[in-house]
């Protein structure tokens, strides 16, 4: 069942979203939505990449909030 290669050049949607997220941060949020909707039940190999993208989205959100608070006050 898991002999077929992963999508997105063989690295999976999660890891591809993590890498592409450094250029387009909205990809992290897309992968986070997939993670919370349990997309990894289709292929458990996707779970680690989707979780990494969710963590990156959280860090990005916190950094943006802190930046906005510092600039306003």
N, C-alpha and C. Protein backbone atom coordinates (compact mmCIF):
# COMPACT_ATOMS: atom_id res chain seq x y z
N UNK A 1 0.82 -1.19 0.00
CA UNK A 1 0.00 0.00 0.00
C UNK A 1 0.87 1.27 0.00
N UNK A 2 1.98 1.24 0.71
CA UNK A 2 2.82 2.42 0.80
C UNK A 2 4.04 2.34 -0.11
N UNK A 3 3.98 1.49 -1.11
CA UNK A 3 5.09 1.39 -2.06
C UNK A 3 5.08 2.52 -3.08
N UNK A 4 3.94 3.13 -3.27
CA UNK A 4 3.88 4.22 -4.25
C UNK A 4 4.56 5.47 -3.65
N UNK A 5 5.19 6.27 -4.49
CA UNK A 5 5.88 7.46 -3.98
C UNK A 5 4.90 8.52 -3.50
N UNK A 6 5.37 9.34 -2.60
CA UNK A 6 4.56 10.44 -2.08
C UNK A 6 4.41 11.52 -3.15
N UNK A 7 3.33 12.31 -3.07
CA UNK A 7 3.18 13.41 -4.03
C UNK A 7 4.19 14.52 -3.76
N UNK A 8 4.23 15.49 -4.60
CA UNK A 8 5.13 16.67 -4.48
C UNK A 8 6.59 16.26 -4.50
N UNK A 9 6.99 15.67 -5.57
CA UNK A 9 8.38 15.28 -5.81
C UNK A 9 8.89 14.24 -4.83
N UNK A 10 8.00 13.45 -4.27
CA UNK A 10 8.39 12.35 -3.39
C UNK A 10 8.62 12.72 -1.94
N UNK A 11 8.48 13.99 -1.59
CA UNK A 11 8.71 14.35 -0.18
C UNK A 11 7.42 14.53 0.59
N UNK A 12 6.29 14.44 -0.02
CA UNK A 12 5.01 14.55 0.66
C UNK A 12 4.51 15.98 0.72
N UNK A 13 3.22 16.11 0.91
CA UNK A 13 2.59 17.43 0.95
C UNK A 13 3.07 18.23 2.15
N UNK A 14 3.23 17.58 3.30
CA UNK A 14 3.63 18.28 4.52
C UNK A 14 5.01 18.89 4.42
N UNK A 15 5.99 18.08 4.02
CA UNK A 15 7.36 18.60 3.91
C UNK A 15 7.48 19.61 2.78
N UNK A 16 6.76 19.38 1.70
CA UNK A 16 6.78 20.34 0.59
C UNK A 16 6.19 21.68 1.04
N UNK A 17 5.11 21.61 1.83
CA UNK A 17 4.51 22.83 2.34
C UNK A 17 5.43 23.54 3.32
N UNK A 18 6.17 22.77 4.11
CA UNK A 18 7.12 23.37 5.04
C UNK A 18 8.20 24.13 4.27
N UNK A 19 8.75 23.52 3.25
CA UNK A 19 9.80 24.18 2.48
C UNK A 19 9.27 25.37 1.70
N UNK A 20 8.14 25.21 1.08
CA UNK A 20 7.56 26.29 0.29
C UNK A 20 7.04 27.42 1.18
N UNK A 21 6.76 27.09 2.44
CA UNK A 21 6.25 28.09 3.38
C UNK A 21 7.24 29.18 3.71
N UNK A 22 8.52 28.94 3.53
CA UNK A 22 9.49 29.99 3.77
C UNK A 22 9.41 31.09 2.72
N UNK A 23 8.83 30.78 1.57
CA UNK A 23 8.60 31.78 0.52
C UNK A 23 7.16 32.28 0.58
N UNK A 24 6.21 31.35 0.76
CA UNK A 24 4.78 31.66 0.84
C UNK A 24 4.24 31.11 2.16
N UNK A 25 4.27 31.89 3.25
CA UNK A 25 3.88 31.38 4.57
C UNK A 25 2.46 30.81 4.64
N UNK A 26 1.60 31.18 3.72
CA UNK A 26 0.24 30.64 3.76
C UNK A 26 0.22 29.12 3.50
N UNK A 27 1.27 28.59 2.94
CA UNK A 27 1.35 27.13 2.74
C UNK A 27 1.40 26.41 4.08
N UNK A 28 1.99 27.05 5.11
CA UNK A 28 2.01 26.43 6.44
C UNK A 28 0.60 26.30 6.99
N UNK A 29 -0.22 27.31 6.75
CA UNK A 29 -1.59 27.27 7.24
C UNK A 29 -2.42 26.25 6.47
N UNK A 30 -2.15 26.11 5.20
CA UNK A 30 -2.82 25.08 4.39
C UNK A 30 -2.49 23.69 4.94
N UNK A 31 -1.22 23.45 5.23
CA UNK A 31 -0.81 22.16 5.77
C UNK A 31 -1.37 21.94 7.17
N UNK A 32 -1.52 23.01 7.94
CA UNK A 32 -2.11 22.90 9.28
C UNK A 32 -3.57 22.47 9.19
N UNK A 33 -4.28 23.03 8.22
CA UNK A 33 -5.67 22.62 8.02
C UNK A 33 -5.73 21.15 7.65
N UNK A 34 -4.83 20.71 6.77
CA UNK A 34 -4.80 19.29 6.41
C UNK A 34 -4.48 18.42 7.63
N UNK A 35 -3.58 18.88 8.48
CA UNK A 35 -3.20 18.12 9.67
C UNK A 35 -4.38 17.98 10.63
N UNK A 36 -5.10 19.06 10.87
CA UNK A 36 -6.22 19.00 11.80
C UNK A 36 -7.43 18.28 11.21
N UNK A 37 -7.47 18.15 9.90
CA UNK A 37 -8.56 17.39 9.28
C UNK A 37 -8.17 15.92 9.09
N UNK A 38 -7.04 15.52 9.69
CA UNK A 38 -6.56 14.13 9.69
C UNK A 38 -6.28 13.61 8.28
N UNK A 39 -5.65 14.43 7.47
CA UNK A 39 -5.28 14.01 6.12
C UNK A 39 -4.30 12.84 6.15
N UNK A 40 -3.52 12.74 7.23
CA UNK A 40 -2.50 11.70 7.33
C UNK A 40 -3.08 10.31 7.49
N UNK A 41 -4.40 10.18 7.67
CA UNK A 41 -4.99 8.83 7.71
C UNK A 41 -4.94 8.17 6.34
N UNK A 42 -4.85 8.96 5.29
CA UNK A 42 -4.70 8.39 3.94
C UNK A 42 -3.33 7.75 3.78
N UNK A 43 -2.31 8.40 4.34
CA UNK A 43 -0.94 7.89 4.26
C UNK A 43 -0.20 8.37 5.51
N UNK A 44 0.11 7.49 6.44
CA UNK A 44 0.75 7.90 7.69
C UNK A 44 2.12 8.55 7.51
N UNK A 45 2.73 8.38 6.34
CA UNK A 45 4.03 9.00 6.10
C UNK A 45 3.93 10.51 6.03
N UNK A 46 2.73 11.04 5.84
CA UNK A 46 2.51 12.48 5.74
C UNK A 46 2.46 13.16 7.11
N UNK A 47 2.26 12.42 8.18
CA UNK A 47 2.00 13.00 9.49
C UNK A 47 3.13 13.91 9.98
N UNK A 48 4.36 13.50 9.88
CA UNK A 48 5.48 14.29 10.40
C UNK A 48 5.62 15.62 9.67
N UNK A 49 5.50 15.61 8.37
CA UNK A 49 5.62 16.85 7.60
C UNK A 49 4.49 17.82 7.88
N UNK A 50 3.27 17.29 8.01
CA UNK A 50 2.13 18.15 8.33
C UNK A 50 2.26 18.74 9.72
N UNK A 51 2.76 17.94 10.67
CA UNK A 51 2.96 18.45 12.03
C UNK A 51 4.05 19.53 12.04
N UNK A 52 5.11 19.34 11.29
CA UNK A 52 6.18 20.35 11.21
C UNK A 52 5.64 21.65 10.62
N UNK A 53 4.78 21.56 9.64
CA UNK A 53 4.19 22.76 9.05
C UNK A 53 3.25 23.45 10.04
N UNK A 54 2.54 22.68 10.85
CA UNK A 54 1.67 23.27 11.87
C UNK A 54 2.49 24.02 12.91
N UNK A 55 3.63 23.47 13.30
CA UNK A 55 4.51 24.14 14.25
C UNK A 55 5.08 25.41 13.64
N UNK A 56 5.46 25.36 12.38
CA UNK A 56 5.99 26.55 11.70
C UNK A 56 4.91 27.63 11.62
N UNK A 57 3.67 27.24 11.37
CA UNK A 57 2.58 28.21 11.30
C UNK A 57 2.36 28.87 12.67
N UNK A 58 2.47 28.09 13.73
CA UNK A 58 2.31 28.63 15.07
C UNK A 58 3.43 29.63 15.39
N UNK A 59 4.66 29.28 15.07
CA UNK A 59 5.79 30.18 15.32
C UNK A 59 5.65 31.46 14.50
N UNK A 60 5.23 31.33 13.26
CA UNK A 60 5.04 32.50 12.40
C UNK A 60 3.94 33.40 12.95
N UNK A 61 2.86 32.83 13.42
CA UNK A 61 1.76 33.60 13.98
C UNK A 61 2.21 34.37 15.22
N UNK A 62 2.93 33.69 16.10
CA UNK A 62 3.42 34.34 17.32
C UNK A 62 4.39 35.47 16.97
N UNK A 63 5.26 35.25 16.01
CA UNK A 63 6.21 36.28 15.60
C UNK A 63 5.50 37.50 15.02
N UNK A 64 4.48 37.29 14.23
CA UNK A 64 3.72 38.40 13.64
C UNK A 64 2.98 39.17 14.73
N UNK A 65 2.38 38.46 15.68
CA UNK A 65 1.66 39.13 16.77
C UNK A 65 2.62 39.97 17.60
N UNK A 66 3.77 39.41 17.94
CA UNK A 66 4.76 40.16 18.73
C UNK A 66 5.25 41.38 17.95
N UNK A 67 5.49 41.24 16.66
CA UNK A 67 5.93 42.35 15.84
C UNK A 67 4.89 43.46 15.80
N UNK A 68 3.63 43.10 15.64
CA UNK A 68 2.55 44.09 15.59
C UNK A 68 2.42 44.80 16.94
N UNK A 69 2.51 44.06 18.04
CA UNK A 69 2.40 44.66 19.36
C UNK A 69 3.55 45.63 19.61
N UNK A 70 4.76 45.26 19.22
CA UNK A 70 5.92 46.13 19.42
C UNK A 70 5.80 47.40 18.56
N UNK A 71 5.32 47.28 17.35
CA UNK A 71 5.18 48.44 16.47
C UNK A 71 4.07 49.37 16.92
N UNK A 72 3.03 48.85 17.49
CA UNK A 72 1.89 49.69 17.93
C UNK A 72 2.23 50.40 19.23
N UNK A 73 2.89 49.72 20.15
CA UNK A 73 3.19 50.34 21.44
C UNK A 73 4.59 50.79 21.42
